[in-house]
Each structure stands twice: as C-alpha cells, then as structure tokens.
Amino acid sequence: MIQPQTMSIDWQALREPLDDRARAIELAWEFARMVPSRPHILDLGAGVGANVRHLLPRLGRMIQDWTLMDTDAAVLGGVAERMQRWGHELGWRVARNPPPDATPGALGELILFGDDMRSRLTLIEKDMSTDLHDLGIQRHDGVAGNAFFDRVSAEWLDHFVTELIASGLPPVLATSLQDGRVLWRPEDPDDGMVLELASAAAGRDHGFGPPLGDGAADALVAKLEAVGYRLDGARSDWRLSGPRSRQTHLDLVDMLAAQAEARDPAMADRIAAWRERRRAEVMRAELTIGHADILARR
C-alpha cells in the first residue's frame, strides 16, 4: 500500500486529480440511479471533500444533502476553501453556515447554489473507530468512501457491515482501493526493495486497528456478498507518465524513498541511489499503481 504516515491536506491534494482521472465513472452513474430524487449521502473519511466534488455533479439531482465525516478536524477545515474554488469554476455560489446545534461533532455547514441545484454539506468530526452505530448510516440513502476502506481493519469492517444490515443494506460506493499492483516501466532492480520497505511503513494503524491495506477490496467484496449485496467492480488504476504527471511522479518517488529509509536506515545509501535514478528517468518512465472501485447494491 502506498500511503503517507498521516492523511495530510497535501497528500489529498496530490491524489485528487489522479483519482478523478482513474475512477470508474459507470459505477458512479449506477450509484446515482440507486438513490432517491433528494438523496442524503454519507461520505466516510471525507478529508477535504474530493469525493463530493467528484460525485455531486454525477448524481444528477437538483437537491442533495451530504454528510462529510472524518476523524481530523484540521483536514475537514480545508473543505470550505476548496469548495469555494471549485464552485466558482462551475458558476456556483457557496455559503457558510454555523454548525447545526442538533448534530454532535458538526464543524459547520456549506450550501452550494446553482441555477438548477442546491446542495448542503454538513462537516462532522468523529472518531469513527468506536461506536459505528453513531455513524448514522440509517439516516442516509447511500454510503460512499474514497481511499478509505483500505485504512480500516477486518474487525471494523465486520461492525460496519452489521450497521449496513440494520440500516436496510443501502448502496455503498467504495472507490480508489489500492490492490497492491505497483509497476514501473522500465523497471529498476531496487523497485521491489523500496516498495516493500515503504509498504511496511505505510501499513500503520490509522485508528481502526490493523489496516486491510491491499486486501481491502477482496475483504469488502466477501463481507458484503455474504450479507446479500450484489457487487460490481472495476479497475481504477493511477497511470503516471510524461510531463502532465511529472511533479506528482517525483513527489511519489520522494515519499517512497523517505518511507523506505525510515523503515530501514541501514539501506539509506542504496535507497538514495534508487531515488536519484527514478527522478532522472521520470520523463520516460511509466508508473502504474493498482486501484479498484466497488459498488454494492441489494
């Protein structure tokens, strides 16, 4: 699994365009067909709102309500600024309201206005590792999570599925799940060494127990099928090559090198040499990082 030690705003800004280009659009459209005309969607691990920015226009609904839930108030604090910029690009207005008094953990509320749409986003800081009943799944018409389910544990996933059952099996759209495929062309003899060390460093507990990591997609499919969901899936691989991806490619190389060195300082010289080779070859190299999207329905 390729992931920084903390889910920073910088990391989410880096990955948002990669996810947007890679996502299986057909699954988003199918998710849209499953929710009602005025849907209320729960976005788990919402971060700075990338999932909402991707899905909101694709739901095709004039009125939408979203609950953006995350454990990190500082990261959620970046939602408003990004929504302002994004809304302005689309010709929408964005208003900020104080948090609803009746909503525990609410940090604020954003209202997006367009000529033919109105969407309300409620930002909630919550420790999602504890009582999953408090997630409020039963009050929502669908559940979404982008780059989230590979951070949770098998035990957390069991409790999550229990809540889905109690809520009537609402549709679930889980996107950008890493599946362990990482490949450069051309290859470097030390790619495997660096990736193994970096993956071990990235597999830390994010507060949900031992993370499922690259096994998240398989675990999610097995758990949801076992309780009666029908599953559709598609690959949503990141593909980086050429000038368009140059800076992101360099950033990923630097992050992997830093994680690998932190995991095994004795390999620092060899890792530094790998980093320099990879940086020198960035314009002619192609990097594929495997991801999967999953849609679950009754």
C-alpha atoms as a PDB file:
ATOM      1  CA  MET A   1       0.000   0.000   0.000  1.00  0.00           C
ATOM      2  CA  ILE A   2       1.341   3.442  -0.947  1.00  0.00           C
ATOM      3  CA  GLN A   3       0.301   5.976   1.633  1.00  0.00           C
ATOM      4  CA  PRO A   4       1.906   8.694   3.780  1.00  0.00           C
ATOM      5  CA  GLN A   5       2.206   8.390   7.538  1.00  0.00           C
ATOM      6  CA  THR A   6      -0.584  10.946   8.022  1.00  0.00           C
ATOM      7  CA  MET A   7      -3.575  11.815   5.848  1.00  0.00           C
ATOM      8  CA  SER A   8      -2.391  15.370   5.223  1.00  0.00           C
ATOM      9  CA  ILE A   9      -4.088  18.014   3.122  1.00  0.00           C
ATOM     10  CA  ASP A  10      -1.068  17.960   0.782  1.00  0.00           C
ATOM     11  CA  TRP A  11      -1.465  14.219   0.184  1.00  0.00           C
ATOM     12  CA  GLN A  12      -5.155  14.604  -0.573  1.00  0.00           C
ATOM     13  CA  ALA A  13      -4.447  17.445  -2.991  1.00  0.00           C
ATOM     14  CA  LEU A  14      -1.863  15.261  -4.730  1.00  0.00           C
ATOM     15  CA  ARG A  15      -4.164  12.286  -5.154  1.00  0.00           C
ATOM     16  CA  GLU A  16      -7.410  14.052  -6.109  1.00  0.00           C
ATOM     17  CA  PRO A  17      -6.588  14.553  -9.832  1.00  0.00           C
ATOM     18  CA  LEU A  18      -5.166  11.028 -10.043  1.00  0.00           C
ATOM     19  CA  ASP A  19      -8.342   9.559  -8.582  1.00  0.00           C
ATOM     20  CA  ASP A  20     -10.540  11.727 -10.808  1.00  0.00           C
ATOM     21  CA  ARG A  21      -8.848  10.515 -13.984  1.00  0.00           C
ATOM     22  CA  ALA A  22      -8.893   6.881 -12.870  1.00  0.00           C
ATOM     23  CA  ARG A  23     -12.347   6.342 -11.360  1.00  0.00           C
ATOM     24  CA  ALA A  24     -14.883   4.013 -12.930  1.00  0.00           C
ATOM     25  CA  ILE A  25     -17.480   6.589 -13.985  1.00  0.00           C
ATOM     26  CA  GLU A  26     -20.041   3.926 -14.822  1.00  0.00           C
ATOM     27  CA  LEU A  27     -20.173   2.860 -11.169  1.00  0.00           C
ATOM     28  CA  ALA A  28     -20.808   6.446 -10.065  1.00  0.00           C
ATOM     29  CA  TRP A  29     -23.690   6.698 -12.526  1.00  0.00           C
ATOM     30  CA  GLU A  30     -25.117   3.394 -11.314  1.00  0.00           C
ATOM     31  CA  PHE A  31     -24.850   4.580  -7.702  1.00  0.00           C
ATOM     32  CA  ALA A  32     -26.774   7.684  -8.760  1.00  0.00           C
ATOM     33  CA  ARG A  33     -29.609   5.539 -10.123  1.00  0.00           C
ATOM     34  CA  MET A  34     -29.981   3.810  -6.752  1.00  0.00           C
ATOM     35  CA  VAL A  35     -30.536   6.880  -4.588  1.00  0.00           C
ATOM     36  CA  PRO A  36     -33.785   8.898  -4.367  1.00  0.00           C
ATOM     37  CA  SER A  37     -34.536  12.222  -6.004  1.00  0.00           C
ATOM     38  CA  ARG A  38     -33.352  14.158  -2.922  1.00  0.00           C
ATOM     39  CA  PRO A  39     -30.572  11.931  -1.607  1.00  0.00           C
ATOM     40  CA  HIS A  40     -28.678  12.186   1.653  1.00  0.00           C
ATOM     41  CA  ILE A  41     -25.248  10.613   1.251  1.00  0.00           C
ATOM     42  CA  LEU A  42     -22.748   9.731   3.982  1.00  0.00           C
ATOM     43  CA  ASP A  43     -19.128  10.214   2.894  1.00  0.00           C
ATOM     44  CA  LEU A  44     -16.725   8.358   5.212  1.00  0.00           C
ATOM     45  CA  GLY A  45     -13.172   9.604   5.547  1.00  0.00           C
ATOM     46  CA  ALA A  46     -14.216  12.681   3.603  1.00  0.00           C
ATOM     47  CA  GLY A  47     -10.967  14.574   4.016  1.00  0.00           C
ATOM     48  CA  VAL A  48     -11.063  17.845   2.076  1.00  0.00           C
ATOM     49  CA  GLY A  49     -14.160  16.832   0.092  1.00  0.00           C
ATOM     50  CA  ALA A  50     -12.686  15.281  -3.056  1.00  0.00           C
ATOM     51  CA  ASN A  51     -15.328  12.548  -3.147  1.00  0.00           C
ATOM     52  CA  VAL A  52     -18.153  15.074  -3.040  1.00  0.00           C
ATOM     53  CA  ARG A  53     -16.576  17.141  -5.802  1.00  0.00           C
ATOM     54  CA  HIS A  54     -16.399  14.046  -7.959  1.00  0.00           C
ATOM     55  CA  LEU A  55     -19.828  12.580  -7.221  1.00  0.00           C
ATOM     56  CA  LEU A  56     -22.097  15.573  -6.662  1.00  0.00           C
ATOM     57  CA  PRO A  57     -22.300  16.603 -10.354  1.00  0.00           C
ATOM     58  CA  ARG A  58     -22.703  12.966 -11.400  1.00  0.00           C
ATOM     59  CA  LEU A  59     -25.684  12.208  -9.177  1.00  0.00           C
ATOM     60  CA  GLY A  60     -27.849  14.381 -11.406  1.00  0.00           C
ATOM     61  CA  ARG A  61     -30.057  15.624  -8.544  1.00  0.00           C
ATOM     62  CA  MET A  62     -31.206  19.208  -8.075  1.00  0.00           C
ATOM     63  CA  ILE A  63     -31.220  18.899  -4.275  1.00  0.00           C
ATOM     64  CA  GLN A  64     -28.625  16.881  -2.389  1.00  0.00           C
ATOM     65  CA  ASP A  65     -27.554  16.533   1.237  1.00  0.00           C
ATOM     66  CA  TRP A  66     -24.115  15.257   2.156  1.00  0.00           C
ATOM     67  CA  THR A  67     -22.587  14.351   5.493  1.00  0.00           C
ATOM     68  CA  LEU A  68     -18.800  14.652   5.283  1.00  0.00           C
ATOM     69  CA  MET A  69     -17.326  12.674   8.176  1.00  0.00           C
ATOM     70  CA  ASP A  70     -13.685  12.464   9.159  1.00  0.00           C
ATOM     71  CA  THR A  71     -11.592  11.973  12.277  1.00  0.00           C
ATOM     72  CA  ASP A  72      -9.405  15.012  11.582  1.00  0.00           C
ATOM     73  CA  ALA A  73     -10.906  18.454  12.173  1.00  0.00           C
ATOM     74  CA  ALA A  74      -7.875  20.171  10.636  1.00  0.00           C
ATOM     75  CA  VAL A  75      -8.313  18.292   7.370  1.00  0.00           C
ATOM     76  CA  LEU A  76     -12.067  18.952   7.300  1.00  0.00           C
ATOM     77  CA  GLY A  77     -11.183  22.589   7.822  1.00  0.00           C
ATOM     78  CA  GLY A  78      -9.821  22.619   4.278  1.00  0.00           C
ATOM     79  CA  VAL A  79     -13.174  21.699   2.716  1.00  0.00           C
ATOM     80  CA  ALA A  80     -14.655  25.206   2.595  1.00  0.00           C
ATOM     81  CA  GLU A  81     -11.755  26.790   0.713  1.00  0.00           C
ATOM     82  CA  ARG A  82     -11.651  24.027  -1.867  1.00  0.00           C
ATOM     83  CA  MET A  83     -15.406  24.068  -2.324  1.00  0.00           C
ATOM     84  CA  GLN A  84     -15.288  27.830  -2.819  1.00  0.00           C
ATOM     85  CA  ARG A  85     -12.732  27.481  -5.617  1.00  0.00           C
ATOM     86  CA  TRP A  86     -14.484  24.515  -7.201  1.00  0.00           C
ATOM     87  CA  GLY A  87     -17.929  26.127  -7.001  1.00  0.00           C
ATOM     88  CA  HIS A  88     -16.603  29.330  -8.542  1.00  0.00           C
ATOM     89  CA  GLU A  89     -15.218  27.375 -11.502  1.00  0.00           C
ATOM     90  CA  LEU A  90     -18.689  25.904 -12.079  1.00  0.00           C
ATOM     91  CA  GLY A  91     -20.507  29.212 -11.622  1.00  0.00           C
ATOM     92  CA  TRP A  92     -21.978  28.198  -8.256  1.00  0.00           C
ATOM     93  CA  ARG A  93     -22.179  30.206  -5.060  1.00  0.00           C
ATOM     94  CA  VAL A  94     -21.045  28.783  -1.727  1.00  0.00           C
ATOM     95  CA  ALA A  95     -22.423  29.978   1.617  1.00  0.00           C
ATOM     96  CA  ARG A  96     -21.072  29.040   5.034  1.00  0.00           C
ATOM     97  CA  ASN A  97     -23.442  28.409   7.934  1.00  0.00           C
ATOM     98  CA  PRO A  98     -22.685  27.706  11.598  1.00  0.00           C
ATOM     99  CA  PRO A  99     -22.824  24.057  12.660  1.00  0.00           C
ATOM    100  CA  PRO A 100     -26.303  22.644  13.350  1.00  0.00           C
ATOM    101  CA  ASP A 101     -26.917  22.589  17.101  1.00  0.00           C
ATOM    102  CA  ALA A 102     -28.561  19.174  16.985  1.00  0.00           C
ATOM    103  CA  THR A 103     -25.657  17.448  15.206  1.00  0.00           C
ATOM    104  CA  PRO A 104     -22.898  16.197  17.542  1.00  0.00           C
ATOM    105  CA  GLY A 105     -19.409  16.882  16.211  1.00  0.00           C
ATOM    106  CA  ALA A 106     -20.598  19.222  13.471  1.00  0.00           C
ATOM    107  CA  LEU A 107     -17.949  21.774  12.493  1.00  0.00           C
ATOM    108  CA  GLY A 108     -20.029  23.732  10.034  1.00  0.00           C
ATOM    109  CA  GLU A 109     -22.309  23.617   7.044  1.00  0.00           C
ATOM    110  CA  LEU A 110     -21.792  24.648   3.432  1.00  0.00           C
ATOM    111  CA  ILE A 111     -24.577  25.397   0.957  1.00  0.00           C
ATOM    112  CA  LEU A 112     -23.834  25.231  -2.758  1.00  0.00           C
ATOM    113  CA  PHE A 113     -26.191  27.165  -5.026  1.00  0.00           C
ATOM    114  CA  GLY A 114     -26.508  26.941  -8.784  1.00  0.00           C
ATOM    115  CA  ASP A 115     -29.168  27.883 -11.294  1.00  0.00           C
ATOM    116  CA  ASP A 116     -30.669  24.408 -11.088  1.00  0.00           C
ATOM    117  CA  MET A 117     -29.174  22.895  -7.918  1.00  0.00           C
ATOM    118  CA  ARG A 118     -28.836  23.289  -4.184  1.00  0.00           C
ATOM    119  CA  SER A 119     -26.620  21.063  -2.080  1.00  0.00           C
ATOM    120  CA  ARG A 120     -25.979  21.087   1.646  1.00  0.00           C
ATOM    121  CA  LEU A 121     -22.739  19.713   3.074  1.00  0.00           C
ATOM    122  CA  THR A 122     -22.519  19.071   6.811  1.00  0.00           C
ATOM    123  CA  LEU A 123     -18.968  18.639   8.117  1.00  0.00           C
ATOM    124  CA  ILE A 124     -18.642  16.291  11.084  1.00  0.00           C
ATOM    125  CA  GLU A 125     -15.542  15.436  13.071  1.00  0.00           C
ATOM    126  CA  LYS A 126     -15.950  11.989  14.616  1.00  0.00           C
ATOM    127  CA  ASP A 127     -13.866   9.170  15.967  1.00  0.00           C
ATOM    128  CA  MET A 128     -15.192   6.563  13.547  1.00  0.00           C
ATOM    129  CA  SER A 129     -13.263   3.783  15.239  1.00  0.00           C
ATOM    130  CA  THR A 130     -15.628   3.487  18.200  1.00  0.00           C
ATOM    131  CA  ASP A 131     -19.405   3.014  18.131  1.00  0.00           C
ATOM    132  CA  LEU A 132     -20.295   2.619  14.476  1.00  0.00           C
ATOM    133  CA  HIS A 133     -23.967   2.990  15.310  1.00  0.00           C
ATOM    134  CA  ASP A 134     -23.195   6.663  15.810  1.00  0.00           C
ATOM    135  CA  LEU A 135     -22.214   6.976  12.142  1.00  0.00           C
ATOM    136  CA  GLY A 136     -25.911   7.395  11.414  1.00  0.00           C
ATOM    137  CA  ILE A 137     -25.977   5.130   8.367  1.00  0.00           C
ATOM    138  CA  GLN A 138     -29.698   4.561   8.907  1.00  0.00           C
ATOM    139  CA  ARG A 139     -30.344   8.280   8.275  1.00  0.00           C
ATOM    140  CA  HIS A 140     -28.715   8.196   4.841  1.00  0.00           C
ATOM    141  CA  ASP A 141     -29.699   6.875   1.426  1.00  0.00           C
ATOM    142  CA  GLY A 142     -26.210   5.749   0.445  1.00  0.00           C
ATOM    143  CA  VAL A 143     -22.667   5.440   1.763  1.00  0.00           C
ATOM    144  CA  ALA A 144     -19.525   6.482  -0.092  1.00  0.00           C
ATOM    145  CA  GLY A 145     -15.853   6.335   0.755  1.00  0.00           C
ATOM    146  CA  ASN A 146     -12.867   7.207  -1.403  1.00  0.00           C
ATOM    147  CA  ALA A 147      -9.436   5.852  -0.407  1.00  0.00           C
ATOM    148  CA  PHE A 148     -10.962   4.968   2.947  1.00  0.00           C
ATOM    149  CA  PHE A 149     -11.667   1.262   3.275  1.00  0.00           C
ATOM    150  CA  ASP A 150      -8.039   0.179   2.837  1.00  0.00           C
ATOM    151  CA  ARG A 151      -7.309   2.051   6.092  1.00  0.00           C
ATOM    152  CA  VAL A 152      -9.800   0.112   8.232  1.00  0.00           C
ATOM    153  CA  SER A 153      -9.375  -3.252   9.930  1.00  0.00           C
ATOM    154  CA  ALA A 154     -11.216  -6.527   9.387  1.00  0.00           C
ATOM    155  CA  GLU A 155     -12.891  -6.097  12.776  1.00  0.00           C
ATOM    156  CA  TRP A 156     -14.027  -2.562  11.899  1.00  0.00           C
ATOM    157  CA  LEU A 157     -15.398  -3.841   8.599  1.00  0.00           C
ATOM    158  CA  ASP A 158     -17.430  -6.508  10.427  1.00  0.00           C
ATOM    159  CA  HIS A 159     -19.053  -3.825  12.593  1.00  0.00           C
ATOM    160  CA  PHE A 160     -19.652  -1.650   9.547  1.00  0.00           C
ATOM    161  CA  VAL A 161     -21.460  -4.479   7.755  1.00  0.00           C
ATOM    162  CA  THR A 162     -23.592  -5.058  10.858  1.00  0.00           C
ATOM    163  CA  GLU A 163     -24.691  -1.418  10.688  1.00  0.00           C
ATOM    164  CA  LEU A 164     -25.452  -1.745   6.971  1.00  0.00           C
ATOM    165  CA  ILE A 165     -27.720  -4.712   7.725  1.00  0.00           C
ATOM    166  CA  ALA A 166     -29.519  -2.765  10.463  1.00  0.00           C
ATOM    167  CA  SER A 167     -29.973   0.138   8.022  1.00  0.00           C
ATOM    168  CA  GLY A 168     -31.570  -1.976   5.285  1.00  0.00           C
ATOM    169  CA  LEU A 169     -28.490  -2.505   3.102  1.00  0.00           C
ATOM    170  CA  PRO A 170     -28.159   0.934   1.496  1.00  0.00           C
ATOM    171  CA  PRO A 171     -25.931   1.164  -1.600  1.00  0.00           C
ATOM    172  CA  VAL A 172     -22.207   1.511  -0.934  1.00  0.00           C
ATOM    173  CA  LEU A 173     -19.686   3.037  -3.332  1.00  0.00           C
ATOM    174  CA  ALA A 174     -16.086   2.328  -2.288  1.00  0.00           C
ATOM    175  CA  THR A 175     -13.531   3.867  -4.633  1.00  0.00           C
ATOM    176  CA  SER A 176      -9.762   4.115  -5.054  1.00  0.00           C
ATOM    177  CA  LEU A 177      -8.925   0.996  -3.053  1.00  0.00           C
ATOM    178  CA  GLN A 178      -5.279   0.041  -3.539  1.00  0.00           C
ATOM    179  CA  ASP A 179      -4.804  -3.562  -4.601  1.00  0.00           C
ATOM    180  CA  GLY A 180      -1.032  -3.961  -4.341  1.00  0.00           C
ATOM    181  CA  ARG A 181      -0.091  -3.619  -8.002  1.00  0.00           C
ATOM    182  CA  VAL A 182       2.778  -1.128  -8.419  1.00  0.00           C
ATOM    183  CA  LEU A 183       4.831  -1.263 -11.596  1.00  0.00           C
ATOM    184  CA  TRP A 184       7.354   0.964 -13.300  1.00  0.00           C
ATOM    185  CA  ARG A 185       8.310   0.655 -16.954  1.00  0.00           C
ATOM    186  CA  PRO A 186      11.231   0.396 -17.382  1.00  0.00           C
ATOM    187  CA  GLU A 187      11.914  -1.431 -14.142  1.00  0.00           C
ATOM    188  CA  ASP A 188      14.745  -0.719 -11.719  1.00  0.00           C
ATOM    189  CA  PRO A 189      16.453  -3.539  -9.809  1.00  0.00           C
ATOM    190  CA  ASP A 190      15.644  -1.848  -6.494  1.00  0.00           C
ATOM    191  CA  ASP A 191      11.968  -1.076  -7.122  1.00  0.00           C
ATOM    192  CA  GLY A 192      10.867  -4.117  -5.160  1.00  0.00           C
ATOM    193  CA  MET A 193      13.147  -3.378  -2.215  1.00  0.00           C
ATOM    194  CA  VAL A 194      11.940   0.215  -1.862  1.00  0.00           C
ATOM    195  CA  LEU A 195       8.284  -0.703  -2.291  1.00  0.00           C
ATOM    196  CA  GLU A 196       8.480  -3.475   0.300  1.00  0.00           C
ATOM    197  CA  LEU A 197      10.003  -1.159   2.880  1.00  0.00           C
ATOM    198  CA  ALA A 198       7.668   1.731   2.082  1.00  0.00           C
ATOM    199  CA  SER A 199       4.603  -0.514   2.181  1.00  0.00           C
ATOM    200  CA  ALA A 200       5.599  -1.790   5.620  1.00  0.00           C
ATOM    201  CA  ALA A 201       5.967   1.789   6.823  1.00  0.00           C
ATOM    202  CA  ALA A 202       2.613   2.807   5.340  1.00  0.00           C
ATOM    203  CA  GLY A 203       0.752  -0.082   6.970  1.00  0.00           C
ATOM    204  CA  ARG A 204       0.403   1.653  10.310  1.00  0.00           C
ATOM    205  CA  ASP A 205      -2.789   1.687  12.367  1.00  0.00           C
ATOM    206  CA  HIS A 206      -4.930   4.697  11.376  1.00  0.00           C
ATOM    207  CA  GLY A 207      -7.085   4.302  14.460  1.00  0.00           C
ATOM    208  CA  PHE A 208      -9.258   1.479  13.118  1.00  0.00           C
ATOM    209  CA  GLY A 209      -6.993  -1.439  14.030  1.00  0.00           C
ATOM    210  CA  PRO A 210      -4.562  -3.280  11.717  1.00  0.00           C
ATOM    211  CA  PRO A 211      -5.390  -1.924   8.238  1.00  0.00           C
ATOM    212  CA  LEU A 212      -6.674  -4.166   5.478  1.00  0.00           C
ATOM    213  CA  GLY A 213      -4.393  -2.368   3.051  1.00  0.00           C
ATOM    214  CA  ASP A 214      -4.070  -4.057  -0.320  1.00  0.00           C
ATOM    215  CA  GLY A 215      -6.542  -6.742   0.737  1.00  0.00           C
ATOM    216  CA  ALA A 216      -9.377  -4.281   1.324  1.00  0.00           C
ATOM    217  CA  ALA A 217     -11.179  -4.817  -1.972  1.00  0.00           C
ATOM    218  CA  ASP A 218     -11.308  -8.607  -1.575  1.00  0.00           C
ATOM    219  CA  ALA A 219     -12.381  -8.310   2.061  1.00  0.00           C
ATOM    220  CA  LEU A 220     -15.101  -5.804   1.240  1.00  0.00           C
ATOM    221  CA  VAL A 221     -16.488  -7.937  -1.578  1.00  0.00           C
ATOM    222  CA  ALA A 222     -16.536 -11.078   0.585  1.00  0.00           C
ATOM    223  CA  LYS A 223     -18.207  -9.389   3.557  1.00  0.00           C
ATOM    224  CA  LEU A 224     -20.856  -7.595   1.520  1.00  0.00           C
ATOM    225  CA  GLU A 225     -21.718 -10.571  -0.671  1.00  0.00           C
ATOM    226  CA  ALA A 226     -22.140 -12.702   2.447  1.00  0.00           C
ATOM    227  CA  VAL A 227     -24.985 -10.474   3.697  1.00  0.00           C
ATOM    228  CA  GLY A 228     -26.868 -10.225   0.418  1.00  0.00           C
ATOM    229  CA  TYR A 229     -25.299  -7.422  -1.582  1.00  0.00           C
ATOM    230  CA  ARG A 230     -24.648  -7.713  -5.298  1.00  0.00           C
ATOM    231  CA  LEU A 231     -21.234  -6.365  -6.264  1.00  0.00           C
ATOM    232  CA  ASP A 232     -19.890  -4.616  -9.342  1.00  0.00           C
ATOM    233  CA  GLY A 233     -16.240  -3.709  -9.622  1.00  0.00           C
ATOM    234  CA  ALA A 234     -13.792  -2.063 -11.970  1.00  0.00           C
ATOM    235  CA  ARG A 235     -10.148  -1.134 -12.023  1.00  0.00           C
ATOM    236  CA  SER A 236      -9.294   2.490 -11.352  1.00  0.00           C
ATOM    237  CA  ASP A 237      -5.519   2.456 -11.715  1.00  0.00           C
ATOM    238  CA  TRP A 238      -3.342   5.518 -11.404  1.00  0.00           C
ATOM    239  CA  ARG A 239      -1.189   5.895 -14.502  1.00  0.00           C
ATOM    240  CA  LEU A 240       1.614   8.422 -14.453  1.00  0.00           C
ATOM    241  CA  SER A 241       3.775   9.246 -17.452  1.00  0.00           C
ATOM    242  CA  GLY A 242       5.123  12.235 -19.319  1.00  0.00           C
ATOM    243  CA  PRO A 243       5.079  15.940 -18.483  1.00  0.00           C
ATOM    244  CA  ARG A 244       1.486  16.021 -17.241  1.00  0.00           C
ATOM    245  CA  SER A 245       2.329  13.730 -14.336  1.00  0.00           C
ATOM    246  CA  ARG A 246       5.947  14.779 -13.815  1.00  0.00           C
ATOM    247  CA  GLN A 247       5.639  16.600 -10.486  1.00  0.00           C
ATOM    248  CA  THR A 248       3.253  14.064  -8.962  1.00  0.00           C
ATOM    249  CA  HIS A 249       5.550  11.258 -10.088  1.00  0.00           C
ATOM    250  CA  LEU A 250       8.517  12.998  -8.439  1.00  0.00           C
ATOM    251  CA  ASP A 251       6.531  13.569  -5.249  1.00  0.00           C
ATOM    252  CA  LEU A 252       5.629   9.883  -5.044  1.00  0.00           C
ATOM    253  CA  VAL A 253       9.236   8.813  -5.607  1.00  0.00           C
ATOM    254  CA  ASP A 254      10.378  11.153  -2.826  1.00  0.00           C
ATOM    255  CA  MET A 255       7.682   9.905  -0.451  1.00  0.00           C
ATOM    256  CA  LEU A 256       8.501   6.254  -1.083  1.00  0.00           C
ATOM    257  CA  ALA A 257      12.216   6.856  -0.614  1.00  0.00           C
ATOM    258  CA  ALA A 258      11.618   8.678   2.671  1.00  0.00           C
ATOM    259  CA  GLN A 259       9.341   5.925   3.977  1.00  0.00           C
ATOM    260  CA  ALA A 260      11.731   3.178   2.933  1.00  0.00           C
ATOM    261  CA  GLU A 261      14.682   4.904   4.609  1.00  0.00           C
ATOM    262  CA  ALA A 262      12.674   5.462   7.789  1.00  0.00           C
ATOM    263  CA  ARG A 263      11.833   1.758   7.830  1.00  0.00           C
ATOM    264  CA  ASP A 264      15.445   0.621   7.328  1.00  0.00           C
ATOM    265  CA  PRO A 265      18.048   3.376   7.851  1.00  0.00           C
ATOM    266  CA  ALA A 266      20.840   0.908   7.091  1.00  0.00           C
ATOM    267  CA  MET A 267      19.691   0.938   3.458  1.00  0.00           C
ATOM    268  CA  ALA A 268      19.825   4.731   3.190  1.00  0.00           C
ATOM    269  CA  ASP A 269      22.592   4.916   0.563  1.00  0.00           C
ATOM    270  CA  ARG A 270      21.001   2.305  -1.666  1.00  0.00           C
ATOM    271  CA  ILE A 271      17.583   3.956  -1.344  1.00  0.00           C
ATOM    272  CA  ALA A 272      19.057   7.383  -2.138  1.00  0.00           C
ATOM    273  CA  ALA A 273      20.661   5.954  -5.285  1.00  0.00           C
ATOM    274  CA  TRP A 274      17.314   4.458  -6.314  1.00  0.00           C
ATOM    275  CA  ARG A 275      15.630   7.815  -5.738  1.00  0.00           C
ATOM    276  CA  GLU A 276      18.119   9.633  -7.951  1.00  0.00           C
ATOM    277  CA  ARG A 277      17.747   7.082 -10.743  1.00  0.00           C
ATOM    278  CA  ARG A 278      13.973   7.269 -10.589  1.00  0.00           C
ATOM    279  CA  ARG A 279      13.989  11.075 -10.591  1.00  0.00           C
ATOM    280  CA  ALA A 280      16.365  11.142 -13.557  1.00  0.00           C
ATOM    281  CA  GLU A 281      14.096   8.792 -15.536  1.00  0.00           C
ATOM    282  CA  VAL A 282      10.780  10.397 -14.651  1.00  0.00           C
ATOM    283  CA  MET A 283      10.074  11.769 -18.143  1.00  0.00           C
ATOM    284  CA  ARG A 284      10.483   8.415 -19.846  1.00  0.00           C
ATOM    285  CA  ALA A 285       9.158   6.121 -17.116  1.00  0.00           C
ATOM    286  CA  GLU A 286       5.566   4.939 -16.705  1.00  0.00           C
ATOM    287  CA  LEU A 287       4.186   4.202 -13.257  1.00  0.00           C
ATOM    288  CA  THR A 288       1.017   2.208 -12.641  1.00  0.00           C
ATOM    289  CA  ILE A 289      -0.481   1.949  -9.156  1.00  0.00           C
ATOM    290  CA  GLY A 290      -3.350  -0.506  -8.995  1.00  0.00           C
ATOM    291  CA  HIS A 291      -6.699   0.595  -7.576  1.00  0.00           C
ATOM    292  CA  ALA A 292     -10.216  -0.788  -7.642  1.00  0.00           C
ATOM    293  CA  ASP A 293     -13.712   0.692  -7.368  1.00  0.00           C
ATOM    294  CA  ILE A 294     -16.585  -1.325  -5.887  1.00  0.00           C
ATOM    295  CA  LEU A 295     -20.322  -0.732  -5.945  1.00  0.00           C
ATOM    296  CA  ALA A 296     -22.571  -2.759  -3.638  1.00  0.00           C
ATOM    297  CA  ARG A 297     -26.345  -2.932  -4.035  1.00  0.00           C
ATOM    298  CA  ARG A 298     -29.170  -5.067  -2.772  1.00  0.00           C
END
